[in-house]
C-alpha atoms as a PDB file:
ATOM      1  CA  MET A   1      -1.460 -18.126 -86.914  1.00  0.00           C
ATOM      2  CA  VAL A   2      -0.115 -18.803 -90.391  1.00  0.00           C
ATOM      3  CA  SER A   3      -0.092 -16.500 -93.390  1.00  0.00           C
ATOM      4  CA  LYS A   4       1.122 -16.207 -96.947  1.00  0.00           C
ATOM      5  CA  THR A   5       1.316 -13.329 -99.408  1.00  0.00           C
ATOM      6  CA  LEU A   6       0.092 -14.052-102.935  1.00  0.00           C
ATOM      7  CA  THR A   7      -0.665 -12.253-106.180  1.00  0.00           C
ATOM      8  CA  VAL A   8      -4.173 -12.548-107.624  1.00  0.00           C
ATOM      9  CA  LYS A   9      -3.815 -14.132-111.072  1.00  0.00           C
ATOM     10  CA  ASN A  10      -7.291 -14.436-112.543  1.00  0.00           C
ATOM     11  CA  ALA A  11      -8.142 -11.662-115.004  1.00  0.00           C
ATOM     12  CA  GLN A  12     -11.246 -10.378-113.223  1.00  0.00           C
ATOM     13  CA  GLY A  13      -9.949 -10.598-109.645  1.00  0.00           C
ATOM     14  CA  PHE A  14     -12.412 -11.452-106.858  1.00  0.00           C
ATOM     15  CA  HIS A  15     -15.686 -10.941-108.725  1.00  0.00           C
ATOM     16  CA  MET A  16     -18.861 -12.843-107.800  1.00  0.00           C
ATOM     17  CA  ARG A  17     -17.861 -16.380-108.852  1.00  0.00           C
ATOM     18  CA  PRO A  18     -14.358 -16.528-107.335  1.00  0.00           C
ATOM     19  CA  ALA A  19     -15.526 -14.724-104.206  1.00  0.00           C
ATOM     20  CA  THR A  20     -18.309 -17.284-103.796  1.00  0.00           C
ATOM     21  CA  VAL A  21     -15.947 -20.202-104.415  1.00  0.00           C
ATOM     22  CA  PHE A  22     -13.357 -18.813-101.987  1.00  0.00           C
ATOM     23  CA  ALA A  23     -15.848 -17.978 -99.200  1.00  0.00           C
ATOM     24  CA  GLY A  24     -17.531 -21.365 -99.590  1.00  0.00           C
ATOM     25  CA  ALA A  25     -14.226 -23.214 -99.326  1.00  0.00           C
ATOM     26  CA  MET A  26     -13.116 -21.162 -96.318  1.00  0.00           C
ATOM     27  CA  GLY A  27     -16.478 -21.663 -94.593  1.00  0.00           C
ATOM     28  CA  LYS A  28     -15.640 -25.348 -94.170  1.00  0.00           C
ATOM     29  CA  PHE A  29     -12.838 -24.489 -91.754  1.00  0.00           C
ATOM     30  CA  ASP A  30     -13.152 -23.559 -88.089  1.00  0.00           C
ATOM     31  CA  SER A  31     -10.233 -21.124 -88.313  1.00  0.00           C
ATOM     32  CA  GLN A  32     -10.662 -17.390 -88.767  1.00  0.00           C
ATOM     33  CA  ILE A  33      -9.652 -16.405 -92.317  1.00  0.00           C
ATOM     34  CA  THR A  34      -8.626 -12.820 -93.058  1.00  0.00           C
ATOM     35  CA  LEU A  35      -7.419 -11.325 -96.335  1.00  0.00           C
ATOM     36  CA  GLU A  36      -5.255  -8.228 -96.114  1.00  0.00           C
ATOM     37  CA  VAL A  37      -5.202  -6.049 -99.231  1.00  0.00           C
ATOM     38  CA  GLY A  38      -3.340  -2.799 -98.743  1.00  0.00           C
ATOM     39  CA  GLN A  39      -4.853  -1.210 -95.634  1.00  0.00           C
ATOM     40  CA  LYS A  40      -8.031  -3.317 -95.828  1.00  0.00           C
ATOM     41  CA  LYS A  41      -8.673  -6.456 -93.796  1.00  0.00           C
ATOM     42  CA  VAL A  42     -11.643  -8.542 -94.886  1.00  0.00           C
ATOM     43  CA  ASP A  43     -13.331 -11.706 -93.672  1.00  0.00           C
ATOM     44  CA  GLY A  44     -12.405 -14.511 -96.058  1.00  0.00           C
ATOM     45  CA  LYS A  45     -15.673 -16.314 -95.310  1.00  0.00           C
ATOM     46  CA  SER A  46     -17.861 -13.396 -96.451  1.00  0.00           C
ATOM     47  CA  VAL A  47     -18.718 -13.158-100.158  1.00  0.00           C
ATOM     48  CA  MET A  48     -19.910  -9.579 -99.764  1.00  0.00           C
ATOM     49  CA  ASN A  49     -16.750  -8.474 -97.936  1.00  0.00           C
ATOM     50  CA  LEU A  50     -14.557 -10.086-100.595  1.00  0.00           C
ATOM     51  CA  ILE A  51     -16.428  -8.359-103.415  1.00  0.00           C
ATOM     52  CA  ALA A  52     -16.496  -5.024-101.562  1.00  0.00           C
ATOM     53  CA  ALA A  53     -12.708  -5.157-101.148  1.00  0.00           C
ATOM     54  CA  CYS A  54     -12.374  -4.697-104.955  1.00  0.00           C
ATOM     55  CA  ILE A  55      -9.488  -7.166-105.229  1.00  0.00           C
ATOM     56  CA  LYS A  56      -8.256  -6.872-108.819  1.00  0.00           C
ATOM     57  CA  CYS A  57      -5.925  -8.958-110.972  1.00  0.00           C
ATOM     58  CA  GLY A  58      -2.325  -8.354-109.922  1.00  0.00           C
ATOM     59  CA  ALA A  59      -3.268  -7.315-106.383  1.00  0.00           C
ATOM     60  CA  THR A  60      -1.049  -8.529-103.565  1.00  0.00           C
ATOM     61  CA  VAL A  61      -3.103 -10.324-100.926  1.00  0.00           C
ATOM     62  CA  THR A  62      -1.966 -11.725 -97.594  1.00  0.00           C
ATOM     63  CA  VAL A  63      -4.086 -14.625 -96.403  1.00  0.00           C
ATOM     64  CA  CYS A  64      -4.015 -15.054 -92.603  1.00  0.00           C
ATOM     65  CA  CYS A  65      -5.506 -18.131 -90.946  1.00  0.00           C
ATOM     66  CA  ASP A  66      -5.834 -18.538 -87.201  1.00  0.00           C
ATOM     67  CA  GLY A  67      -7.324 -21.574 -85.481  1.00  0.00           C
ATOM     68  CA  ALA A  68      -7.224 -25.326 -85.045  1.00  0.00           C
ATOM     69  CA  ASP A  69      -7.167 -26.112 -88.783  1.00  0.00           C
ATOM     70  CA  GLU A  70      -5.204 -23.043 -89.884  1.00  0.00           C
ATOM     71  CA  GLN A  71      -2.637 -24.843 -92.043  1.00  0.00           C
ATOM     72  CA  ALA A  72      -5.261 -26.769 -94.007  1.00  0.00           C
ATOM     73  CA  ALA A  73      -7.233 -23.545 -94.505  1.00  0.00           C
ATOM     74  CA  LEU A  74      -4.144 -21.699 -95.718  1.00  0.00           C
ATOM     75  CA  ASP A  75      -3.208 -24.529 -98.096  1.00  0.00           C
ATOM     76  CA  THR A  76      -6.705 -24.453 -99.604  1.00  0.00           C
ATOM     77  CA  ALA A  77      -6.692 -20.654 -99.937  1.00  0.00           C
ATOM     78  CA  VAL A  78      -3.272 -20.697-101.610  1.00  0.00           C
ATOM     79  CA  GLU A  79      -4.364 -23.417-104.051  1.00  0.00           C
ATOM     80  CA  LEU A  80      -7.496 -21.471-105.027  1.00  0.00           C
ATOM     81  CA  ILE A  81      -5.734 -18.142-105.543  1.00  0.00           C
ATOM     82  CA  GLU A  82      -2.707 -19.593-107.344  1.00  0.00           C
ATOM     83  CA  SER A  83      -4.934 -21.583-109.688  1.00  0.00           C
ATOM     84  CA  GLY A  84      -6.779 -18.405-110.687  1.00  0.00           C
ATOM     85  CA  PHE A  85     -10.017 -20.070-109.556  1.00  0.00           C
ATOM     86  CA  GLY A  86      -9.925 -22.134-112.737  1.00  0.00           C
ATOM     87  CA  GLU A  87     -10.505 -19.108-114.975  1.00  0.00           C
END
């Protein structure tokens, strides 16, 4: 398992578009992707779970990836979050 803690940079946090982009990108990997926000743990491949987590701008998120392609999944997740989803 690999993980990294990041700060959400885009102004609106994980609203519909970034949640859809993130879940779609993570769905391409075989690894299990979990986002930890405070006491919450959510499935990184589920748009609804990401939106329901109410992840706002400035939130600290730990992305955990576990599986055969875990490092590639983590690298992709980090790139998406650090880029602010292009917003």
